[in-house]
N, C-alpha and C. Protein backbone atom coordinates (compact mmCIF):
# COMPACT_ATOMS: atom_id res chain seq x y z
N MET A 1 96.03 -142.04 -67.66
CA MET A 1 95.66 -142.35 -69.17
C MET A 1 94.21 -141.62 -69.48
N ASN A 2 94.01 -141.14 -70.53
CA ASN A 2 92.82 -140.46 -70.84
C ASN A 2 92.04 -141.46 -71.95
N ASN A 3 91.19 -142.06 -71.38
CA ASN A 3 90.52 -143.13 -72.08
C ASN A 3 89.35 -142.62 -73.15
N GLY A 4 88.87 -141.37 -72.68
CA GLY A 4 87.72 -141.01 -73.46
C GLY A 4 86.45 -141.07 -72.65
N ILE A 5 85.46 -140.29 -72.98
CA ILE A 5 84.11 -140.33 -72.48
C ILE A 5 83.11 -141.05 -73.36
N PHE A 6 82.57 -142.21 -73.01
CA PHE A 6 81.64 -143.01 -73.72
C PHE A 6 80.40 -143.04 -73.24
N LEU A 7 79.45 -142.77 -74.10
CA LEU A 7 78.05 -142.85 -73.68
C LEU A 7 77.28 -144.06 -74.41
N SER A 8 76.28 -144.57 -73.85
CA SER A 8 75.51 -145.64 -74.34
C SER A 8 74.25 -145.00 -74.69
N LEU A 9 73.61 -145.14 -75.77
CA LEU A 9 72.25 -144.76 -76.25
C LEU A 9 71.43 -145.90 -76.45
N GLY A 10 70.20 -145.80 -76.00
CA GLY A 10 69.21 -146.94 -76.16
C GLY A 10 67.82 -146.52 -76.38
N THR A 11 67.05 -147.15 -77.35
CA THR A 11 65.72 -146.68 -77.54
C THR A 11 64.89 -147.90 -78.10
N ASN A 12 63.65 -148.10 -77.55
CA ASN A 12 62.69 -148.96 -78.13
C ASN A 12 61.39 -148.59 -78.18
N LEU A 13 61.11 -147.24 -78.22
CA LEU A 13 59.61 -146.79 -78.39
C LEU A 13 59.74 -145.73 -79.63
N GLY A 14 58.77 -145.67 -80.50
CA GLY A 14 58.56 -144.82 -81.64
C GLY A 14 59.62 -145.03 -82.63
N ASP A 15 60.09 -144.07 -83.26
CA ASP A 15 60.97 -144.12 -84.44
C ASP A 15 62.28 -144.06 -83.83
N ARG A 16 62.84 -145.33 -83.68
CA ARG A 16 64.11 -145.50 -82.95
C ARG A 16 65.26 -144.89 -83.45
N SER A 17 65.37 -144.94 -84.83
CA SER A 17 66.46 -144.23 -85.50
C SER A 17 66.29 -142.81 -85.42
N LYS A 18 65.22 -142.20 -85.28
CA LYS A 18 65.18 -140.73 -85.18
C LYS A 18 65.43 -140.28 -83.85
N ASN A 19 64.96 -141.18 -82.81
CA ASN A 19 65.30 -140.99 -81.48
C ASN A 19 66.94 -140.88 -81.14
N LEU A 20 67.68 -141.94 -81.66
CA LEU A 20 69.07 -141.91 -81.66
C LEU A 20 69.64 -140.49 -82.19
N ALA A 21 69.21 -140.12 -83.43
CA ALA A 21 69.70 -139.03 -84.05
C ALA A 21 69.36 -137.73 -83.25
N THR A 22 68.25 -137.69 -82.66
CA THR A 22 67.81 -136.48 -81.84
C THR A 22 68.66 -136.45 -80.50
N ALA A 23 68.81 -137.67 -79.87
CA ALA A 23 69.75 -137.77 -78.80
C ALA A 23 71.09 -137.28 -79.11
N ARG A 24 71.72 -137.81 -80.24
CA ARG A 24 72.92 -137.35 -80.65
C ARG A 24 73.04 -135.78 -80.79
N ALA A 25 72.14 -135.23 -81.56
CA ALA A 25 72.02 -133.72 -81.87
C ALA A 25 71.94 -132.99 -80.40
N LEU A 26 71.20 -133.52 -79.53
CA LEU A 26 71.08 -132.94 -78.23
C LEU A 26 72.33 -132.93 -77.36
N ILE A 27 73.05 -134.01 -77.34
CA ILE A 27 74.21 -134.33 -76.80
C ILE A 27 75.21 -133.29 -77.31
N GLU A 28 75.34 -133.06 -78.56
CA GLU A 28 76.30 -132.22 -79.21
C GLU A 28 75.89 -130.78 -78.85
N ALA A 29 74.69 -130.50 -78.73
CA ALA A 29 74.38 -129.23 -78.26
C ALA A 29 74.62 -128.86 -76.87
N LYS A 30 74.44 -129.87 -76.02
CA LYS A 30 74.45 -129.50 -74.57
C LYS A 30 75.51 -130.20 -73.77
N GLY A 31 76.08 -131.40 -74.50
CA GLY A 31 77.00 -132.16 -73.52
C GLY A 31 78.38 -132.19 -74.13
N GLY A 32 78.56 -132.23 -75.46
CA GLY A 32 79.98 -132.22 -75.73
C GLY A 32 79.95 -132.61 -77.30
N LYS A 33 81.18 -132.67 -77.82
CA LYS A 33 81.35 -132.77 -79.25
C LYS A 33 81.49 -134.38 -79.58
N ILE A 34 80.69 -134.91 -80.31
CA ILE A 34 80.74 -136.40 -80.65
C ILE A 34 82.04 -136.49 -81.55
N ILE A 35 82.87 -137.43 -81.20
CA ILE A 35 84.09 -137.55 -81.99
C ILE A 35 84.17 -139.15 -82.56
N LYS A 36 83.33 -140.08 -81.92
CA LYS A 36 83.26 -141.27 -82.65
C LYS A 36 81.76 -141.80 -82.27
N GLU A 37 81.41 -142.74 -83.26
CA GLU A 37 79.86 -143.19 -83.26
C GLU A 37 80.14 -144.69 -83.70
N SER A 38 79.57 -145.63 -82.88
CA SER A 38 79.39 -146.93 -83.47
C SER A 38 78.28 -147.03 -84.47
N ALA A 39 78.15 -148.14 -85.09
CA ALA A 39 77.00 -148.42 -85.82
C ALA A 39 75.84 -148.63 -84.83
N VAL A 40 74.60 -148.80 -85.42
CA VAL A 40 73.37 -148.95 -84.44
C VAL A 40 73.24 -150.38 -84.46
N TYR A 41 72.88 -150.92 -83.29
CA TYR A 41 72.58 -152.39 -83.21
C TYR A 41 71.21 -152.71 -82.63
N GLN A 42 70.59 -153.68 -83.18
CA GLN A 42 69.41 -154.15 -82.66
C GLN A 42 69.55 -155.37 -81.60
N THR A 43 68.88 -155.15 -80.52
CA THR A 43 68.90 -156.34 -79.45
C THR A 43 67.62 -156.37 -78.80
N ALA A 44 67.36 -157.56 -78.57
CA ALA A 44 66.17 -157.91 -77.75
C ALA A 44 66.26 -157.31 -76.35
N ALA A 45 65.23 -156.81 -75.77
CA ALA A 45 65.19 -156.19 -74.58
C ALA A 45 65.81 -157.14 -73.39
N TRP A 46 66.62 -156.35 -72.71
CA TRP A 46 67.34 -157.00 -71.50
C TRP A 46 66.66 -156.80 -70.32
N GLY A 47 66.46 -157.84 -69.36
CA GLY A 47 66.00 -157.65 -68.02
C GLY A 47 64.39 -157.85 -68.15
N LYS A 48 63.80 -157.01 -68.85
CA LYS A 48 62.41 -157.16 -68.99
C LYS A 48 62.00 -157.39 -70.45
N THR A 49 61.71 -158.61 -70.78
CA THR A 49 61.69 -159.11 -72.25
C THR A 49 60.37 -158.94 -73.03
N ASP A 50 59.36 -158.48 -72.29
CA ASP A 50 58.15 -158.43 -73.01
C ASP A 50 57.92 -157.03 -73.70
N GLN A 51 58.83 -156.55 -74.42
CA GLN A 51 58.75 -155.36 -75.03
C GLN A 51 59.53 -155.23 -76.36
N PRO A 52 59.35 -154.17 -77.07
CA PRO A 52 60.06 -154.16 -78.38
C PRO A 52 61.60 -154.02 -78.33
N ASP A 53 62.19 -154.56 -79.35
CA ASP A 53 63.76 -154.63 -79.50
C ASP A 53 64.16 -153.34 -79.24
N PHE A 54 65.42 -153.14 -78.89
CA PHE A 54 66.12 -151.89 -78.70
C PHE A 54 67.05 -151.64 -79.89
N TYR A 55 67.19 -150.40 -80.25
CA TYR A 55 68.22 -149.89 -81.02
C TYR A 55 69.37 -149.36 -79.99
N ASN A 56 70.72 -149.81 -80.09
CA ASN A 56 71.67 -149.18 -79.10
C ASN A 56 72.88 -148.74 -80.06
N GLN A 57 73.45 -147.73 -79.37
CA GLN A 57 74.62 -147.31 -80.04
C GLN A 57 75.68 -146.58 -79.01
N VAL A 58 76.95 -146.65 -79.22
CA VAL A 58 77.79 -145.90 -78.25
C VAL A 58 78.37 -144.79 -78.99
N ILE A 59 78.68 -143.74 -78.27
CA ILE A 59 79.35 -142.63 -78.82
C ILE A 59 80.54 -142.19 -77.92
N GLU A 60 81.52 -141.66 -78.41
CA GLU A 60 82.53 -141.03 -77.72
C GLU A 60 82.42 -139.67 -77.81
N ILE A 61 82.56 -138.97 -76.65
CA ILE A 61 82.46 -137.40 -76.81
C ILE A 61 83.64 -136.72 -76.09
N GLU A 62 83.89 -135.63 -76.48
CA GLU A 62 84.81 -134.68 -75.77
C GLU A 62 83.81 -133.55 -75.05
N SER A 63 84.27 -133.44 -73.78
CA SER A 63 83.19 -132.56 -72.90
C SER A 63 84.13 -132.02 -71.84
N ILE A 64 83.71 -130.78 -71.63
CA ILE A 64 84.18 -129.89 -70.52
C ILE A 64 83.49 -130.10 -69.25
N LEU A 65 82.27 -130.85 -69.26
CA LEU A 65 81.37 -131.02 -68.16
C LEU A 65 81.98 -132.02 -67.29
N SER A 66 81.85 -131.88 -65.90
CA SER A 66 82.26 -132.75 -65.05
C SER A 66 81.42 -133.93 -65.24
N PRO A 67 81.77 -135.26 -64.52
CA PRO A 67 80.82 -136.39 -64.49
C PRO A 67 79.40 -135.98 -64.00
N ASP A 68 79.34 -135.36 -62.78
CA ASP A 68 78.06 -134.95 -62.22
C ASP A 68 77.13 -134.00 -63.22
N ASP A 69 77.95 -133.14 -63.87
CA ASP A 69 77.20 -132.20 -64.79
C ASP A 69 76.76 -132.91 -65.99
N LEU A 70 77.70 -133.93 -66.53
CA LEU A 70 77.17 -134.63 -67.73
C LEU A 70 76.11 -135.38 -67.43
N LEU A 71 75.85 -136.09 -66.20
CA LEU A 71 74.87 -136.83 -65.88
C LEU A 71 73.66 -136.05 -65.85
N LYS A 72 73.49 -134.84 -65.13
CA LYS A 72 72.42 -133.89 -65.15
C LYS A 72 72.05 -133.44 -66.65
N THR A 73 73.07 -133.36 -67.54
CA THR A 73 72.74 -133.11 -68.86
C THR A 73 72.01 -134.26 -69.67
N THR A 74 72.50 -135.38 -69.41
CA THR A 74 72.10 -136.58 -70.05
C THR A 74 70.52 -136.90 -69.57
N LEU A 75 70.39 -136.63 -68.28
CA LEU A 75 69.07 -136.87 -67.80
C LEU A 75 68.06 -135.81 -68.22
N GLY A 76 68.42 -134.61 -68.44
CA GLY A 76 67.70 -133.45 -68.89
C GLY A 76 67.34 -133.78 -70.31
N ILE A 77 68.26 -134.39 -71.19
CA ILE A 77 67.88 -134.74 -72.54
C ILE A 77 66.99 -135.78 -72.60
N GLU A 78 66.97 -136.87 -71.73
CA GLU A 78 66.14 -137.87 -71.75
C GLU A 78 64.78 -137.34 -71.37
N ALA A 79 64.73 -136.42 -70.39
CA ALA A 79 63.31 -135.79 -70.03
C ALA A 79 62.71 -134.97 -71.29
N ASP A 80 63.65 -134.34 -71.85
CA ASP A 80 63.14 -133.57 -73.01
C ASP A 80 62.73 -134.39 -74.10
N MET A 81 63.14 -135.62 -74.19
CA MET A 81 62.68 -136.46 -75.25
C MET A 81 61.43 -137.29 -74.88
N GLY A 82 60.91 -137.02 -73.66
CA GLY A 82 59.78 -137.66 -73.30
C GLY A 82 59.93 -138.99 -72.38
N ARG A 83 61.19 -139.19 -71.93
CA ARG A 83 61.48 -140.49 -71.06
C ARG A 83 60.84 -140.24 -69.80
N ILE A 84 59.93 -141.13 -69.38
CA ILE A 84 59.36 -141.08 -68.06
C ILE A 84 59.77 -142.39 -67.43
N ARG A 85 60.37 -142.35 -66.13
CA ARG A 85 60.77 -143.53 -65.57
C ARG A 85 59.70 -143.95 -64.64
N THR A 86 59.16 -145.12 -65.04
CA THR A 86 57.99 -145.79 -64.41
C THR A 86 58.29 -147.17 -63.96
N GLU A 87 59.34 -147.94 -64.61
CA GLU A 87 59.63 -149.22 -64.07
C GLU A 87 61.12 -149.55 -64.61
N VAL A 88 61.83 -150.28 -63.80
CA VAL A 88 63.16 -150.65 -64.10
C VAL A 88 63.23 -151.59 -65.49
N TRP A 89 64.12 -151.25 -66.27
CA TRP A 89 64.17 -151.96 -67.51
C TRP A 89 63.01 -151.87 -68.35
N GLY A 90 62.08 -150.89 -68.21
CA GLY A 90 60.95 -150.70 -69.11
C GLY A 90 61.28 -150.15 -70.47
N ALA A 91 60.20 -149.96 -71.25
CA ALA A 91 60.47 -149.42 -72.50
C ALA A 91 60.66 -147.99 -72.45
N ARG A 92 61.33 -147.26 -73.36
CA ARG A 92 61.78 -146.02 -73.17
C ARG A 92 62.13 -145.33 -74.56
N THR A 93 61.77 -144.05 -74.74
CA THR A 93 62.11 -143.34 -76.01
C THR A 93 63.65 -143.14 -75.95
N ILE A 94 64.33 -143.02 -74.95
CA ILE A 94 65.90 -142.81 -74.91
C ILE A 94 66.31 -143.20 -73.59
N ASP A 95 67.43 -143.81 -73.51
CA ASP A 95 68.18 -143.94 -72.20
C ASP A 95 69.68 -143.61 -72.71
N ILE A 96 70.32 -142.87 -71.86
CA ILE A 96 71.68 -142.28 -72.05
C ILE A 96 72.35 -142.77 -70.79
N ASP A 97 73.35 -143.65 -70.90
CA ASP A 97 74.24 -144.03 -69.82
C ASP A 97 75.60 -143.58 -69.97
N ILE A 98 76.23 -143.08 -68.93
CA ILE A 98 77.66 -142.76 -68.93
C ILE A 98 78.50 -144.19 -68.75
N LEU A 99 79.13 -144.57 -69.72
CA LEU A 99 79.93 -146.00 -69.54
C LEU A 99 81.16 -145.75 -68.88
N LEU A 100 81.87 -144.88 -69.50
CA LEU A 100 83.27 -144.52 -69.18
C LEU A 100 83.46 -143.06 -69.11
N TYR A 101 84.27 -142.52 -68.22
CA TYR A 101 84.57 -141.15 -68.21
C TYR A 101 86.02 -140.95 -68.01
N ASN A 102 86.81 -141.03 -69.21
CA ASN A 102 88.33 -141.23 -68.97
C ASN A 102 88.69 -142.26 -67.98
N ASP A 103 89.55 -142.29 -67.28
CA ASP A 103 89.82 -143.40 -66.30
C ASP A 103 89.41 -143.07 -65.01
N ILE A 104 88.34 -142.35 -64.76
CA ILE A 104 87.79 -141.93 -63.40
C ILE A 104 86.95 -142.98 -62.93
N ILE A 105 86.94 -143.26 -61.68
CA ILE A 105 86.10 -144.15 -61.02
C ILE A 105 85.27 -143.33 -60.00
N VAL A 106 83.89 -143.52 -60.20
CA VAL A 106 83.01 -142.71 -59.28
C VAL A 106 82.07 -143.73 -58.70
N GLU A 107 81.89 -143.63 -57.24
CA GLU A 107 80.90 -144.48 -56.73
C GLU A 107 80.03 -143.71 -55.76
N ARG A 108 79.01 -143.26 -56.15
CA ARG A 108 77.97 -142.54 -55.36
C ARG A 108 76.50 -142.97 -55.66
N GLU A 109 75.75 -142.61 -54.74
CA GLU A 109 74.42 -143.22 -54.86
C GLU A 109 73.69 -142.90 -56.16
N HIS A 110 73.97 -141.67 -56.72
CA HIS A 110 73.28 -141.19 -57.94
C HIS A 110 74.15 -141.45 -59.19
N LEU A 111 75.46 -141.81 -58.96
CA LEU A 111 76.29 -142.02 -60.20
C LEU A 111 77.30 -143.01 -59.92
N SER A 112 77.62 -144.03 -60.89
CA SER A 112 78.58 -144.95 -60.89
C SER A 112 79.32 -144.99 -62.20
N ILE A 113 80.67 -144.69 -62.12
CA ILE A 113 81.43 -144.88 -63.35
C ILE A 113 82.67 -145.63 -62.96
N PRO A 114 83.00 -146.54 -63.94
CA PRO A 114 82.42 -147.11 -64.97
C PRO A 114 80.93 -147.67 -64.72
N HIS A 115 80.13 -147.51 -65.69
CA HIS A 115 78.79 -148.14 -65.49
C HIS A 115 78.82 -149.55 -64.84
N PRO A 116 78.11 -149.78 -63.84
CA PRO A 116 78.46 -151.00 -63.01
C PRO A 116 77.92 -152.22 -63.79
N ARG A 117 77.01 -152.15 -64.75
CA ARG A 117 76.50 -153.47 -65.36
C ARG A 117 76.99 -153.55 -66.75
N MET A 118 77.90 -152.67 -67.26
CA MET A 118 78.31 -152.82 -68.75
C MET A 118 79.07 -154.08 -69.07
N ASN A 119 79.79 -154.57 -68.12
CA ASN A 119 80.68 -155.78 -68.40
C ASN A 119 79.74 -157.04 -68.70
N ASN A 120 78.55 -156.94 -68.22
CA ASN A 120 77.60 -157.93 -68.38
C ASN A 120 76.57 -157.93 -69.49
N ARG A 121 76.70 -156.89 -70.32
CA ARG A 121 75.76 -156.51 -71.35
C ARG A 121 76.32 -156.42 -72.80
N LYS A 122 76.14 -157.41 -73.67
CA LYS A 122 76.66 -157.39 -74.89
C LYS A 122 76.17 -156.20 -75.79
N PHE A 123 74.92 -155.78 -75.54
CA PHE A 123 74.30 -154.63 -76.29
C PHE A 123 75.24 -153.25 -75.89
N THR A 124 76.02 -153.29 -74.79
CA THR A 124 76.90 -152.25 -74.61
C THR A 124 78.24 -152.48 -75.04
N LEU A 125 78.70 -153.74 -74.83
CA LEU A 125 80.19 -153.94 -75.10
C LEU A 125 80.46 -154.18 -76.63
N VAL A 126 79.48 -154.56 -77.47
CA VAL A 126 79.69 -154.82 -78.93
C VAL A 126 79.73 -153.43 -79.46
N PRO A 127 79.00 -152.52 -79.35
CA PRO A 127 79.25 -151.16 -79.96
C PRO A 127 80.50 -150.55 -79.38
N LEU A 128 80.60 -150.63 -78.04
CA LEU A 128 81.81 -150.07 -77.51
C LEU A 128 83.09 -150.55 -78.00
N ALA A 129 83.20 -151.93 -78.18
CA ALA A 129 84.34 -152.64 -78.73
C ALA A 129 84.48 -152.24 -80.25
N GLU A 130 83.53 -151.85 -80.84
CA GLU A 130 83.64 -151.43 -82.29
C GLU A 130 84.58 -150.12 -82.42
N ILE A 131 84.17 -149.17 -81.60
CA ILE A 131 84.93 -147.97 -81.54
C ILE A 131 86.06 -147.68 -80.57
N ALA A 132 86.28 -148.76 -79.53
CA ALA A 132 87.25 -148.42 -78.57
C ALA A 132 87.71 -149.79 -78.11
N PRO A 133 88.01 -150.66 -78.79
CA PRO A 133 88.45 -152.07 -78.49
C PRO A 133 89.69 -152.15 -77.43
N GLU A 134 90.52 -151.27 -77.56
CA GLU A 134 91.75 -151.20 -76.61
C GLU A 134 91.64 -150.37 -75.31
N VAL A 135 90.50 -149.65 -75.15
CA VAL A 135 90.33 -148.93 -74.00
C VAL A 135 90.33 -149.81 -72.82
N ILE A 136 91.02 -149.51 -71.75
CA ILE A 136 91.10 -150.25 -70.44
C ILE A 136 89.98 -149.81 -69.66
N HIS A 137 89.20 -150.78 -69.23
CA HIS A 137 88.20 -150.52 -68.13
C HIS A 137 88.93 -150.35 -66.89
N PRO A 138 88.70 -149.20 -66.08
CA PRO A 138 89.50 -148.77 -65.08
C PRO A 138 89.37 -149.51 -63.79
N VAL A 139 88.30 -150.28 -63.86
CA VAL A 139 88.09 -151.19 -62.58
C VAL A 139 88.65 -152.64 -62.83
N ALA A 140 88.16 -153.17 -64.03
CA ALA A 140 88.37 -154.63 -64.45
C ALA A 140 89.90 -154.79 -64.81
N GLN A 141 90.46 -153.64 -65.20
CA GLN A 141 91.74 -153.69 -65.97
C GLN A 141 92.04 -154.65 -67.06
N LYS A 142 90.95 -154.69 -67.88
CA LYS A 142 90.81 -155.44 -69.02
C LYS A 142 90.54 -154.55 -70.18
N THR A 143 90.75 -154.88 -71.44
CA THR A 143 90.40 -154.03 -72.58
C THR A 143 88.88 -154.33 -72.76
N ILE A 144 88.25 -153.49 -73.46
CA ILE A 144 86.89 -153.71 -73.85
C ILE A 144 86.78 -154.84 -74.90
N ARG A 145 87.71 -155.15 -75.63
CA ARG A 145 87.71 -156.41 -76.57
C ARG A 145 87.72 -157.61 -75.50
N ASP A 146 88.56 -157.45 -74.54
CA ASP A 146 88.69 -158.81 -73.64
C ASP A 146 87.41 -158.88 -72.96
N LEU A 147 87.01 -157.75 -72.42
CA LEU A 147 85.46 -157.92 -71.65
C LEU A 147 84.47 -158.44 -72.48
N LEU A 148 84.33 -158.15 -73.66
CA LEU A 148 83.42 -158.68 -74.72
C LEU A 148 83.56 -160.30 -74.90
N ALA A 149 84.90 -160.58 -75.03
CA ALA A 149 85.26 -161.89 -75.21
C ALA A 149 84.74 -162.95 -73.94
N ILE A 150 84.79 -162.41 -72.80
CA ILE A 150 84.44 -163.15 -71.70
C ILE A 150 82.97 -162.93 -71.14
N CYS A 151 82.38 -162.03 -71.80
CA CYS A 151 80.77 -161.72 -71.54
C CYS A 151 80.01 -163.01 -71.65
N THR A 152 79.09 -163.30 -70.71
CA THR A 152 78.18 -164.52 -70.73
C THR A 152 76.90 -164.08 -71.17
N ASP A 153 76.55 -162.78 -71.49
CA ASP A 153 75.30 -162.49 -71.95
C ASP A 153 74.88 -163.02 -73.29
N GLY A 154 73.80 -163.81 -73.25
CA GLY A 154 73.32 -164.62 -74.48
C GLY A 154 72.54 -163.86 -75.47
N LEU A 155 72.15 -162.67 -75.18
CA LEU A 155 71.34 -162.01 -76.21
C LEU A 155 72.11 -161.55 -77.54
N ASP A 156 71.10 -161.75 -78.51
CA ASP A 156 71.81 -161.47 -79.76
C ASP A 156 71.98 -160.16 -80.09
N VAL A 157 73.06 -159.60 -80.57
CA VAL A 157 73.28 -158.09 -80.81
C VAL A 157 73.50 -158.06 -82.40
N SER A 158 72.90 -157.57 -83.16
CA SER A 158 73.18 -157.52 -84.48
C SER A 158 73.04 -156.03 -85.17
N MET A 159 74.13 -155.86 -85.95
CA MET A 159 74.29 -154.50 -86.66
C MET A 159 73.06 -154.27 -87.52
N CYS A 160 72.43 -153.24 -87.27
CA CYS A 160 71.19 -152.74 -88.29
C CYS A 160 71.37 -151.61 -89.03
N VAL A 161 72.24 -150.56 -88.67
CA VAL A 161 72.37 -149.43 -89.30
C VAL A 161 73.85 -149.00 -89.04
N ARG A 162 74.43 -148.55 -90.19
CA ARG A 162 75.85 -148.03 -90.24
C ARG A 162 75.61 -146.42 -90.22
N VAL A 163 76.11 -145.68 -89.27
CA VAL A 163 75.92 -144.18 -89.32
C VAL A 163 77.06 -143.61 -90.04
């Protein structure tokens, strides 16, 4: 089954709407064609809470890149946009995570697909369920809608911008 390639975008520094737009444009230029976009959601910071709220969005892309090449591309886009990794869960101009890559399962030191923490994060599941509620998580073997229904993350996720 070809589920699709889904990326999560997050930002909480600077002009968050502009950061998401820039990331989408760079993904289209370097990573693949965007075929679906969720709304943009605002969420309190997860993990390290003493920082500005995040804007989060999930996009579905078509890409000829392998999972490893897509990771290299997204890391390059993050660097191009000024992302500096100084602390886990710290503030950032942009964060791009590969959530799902079709029904592929990858477990390597530098890359895990599906994203290993997506099932526990409403800021990922809410926008993903908006655009792909019936997609099956290849490890959990549940739909995204079902994963959202059982997610215990208590953070508020509210739609702030419709794209």
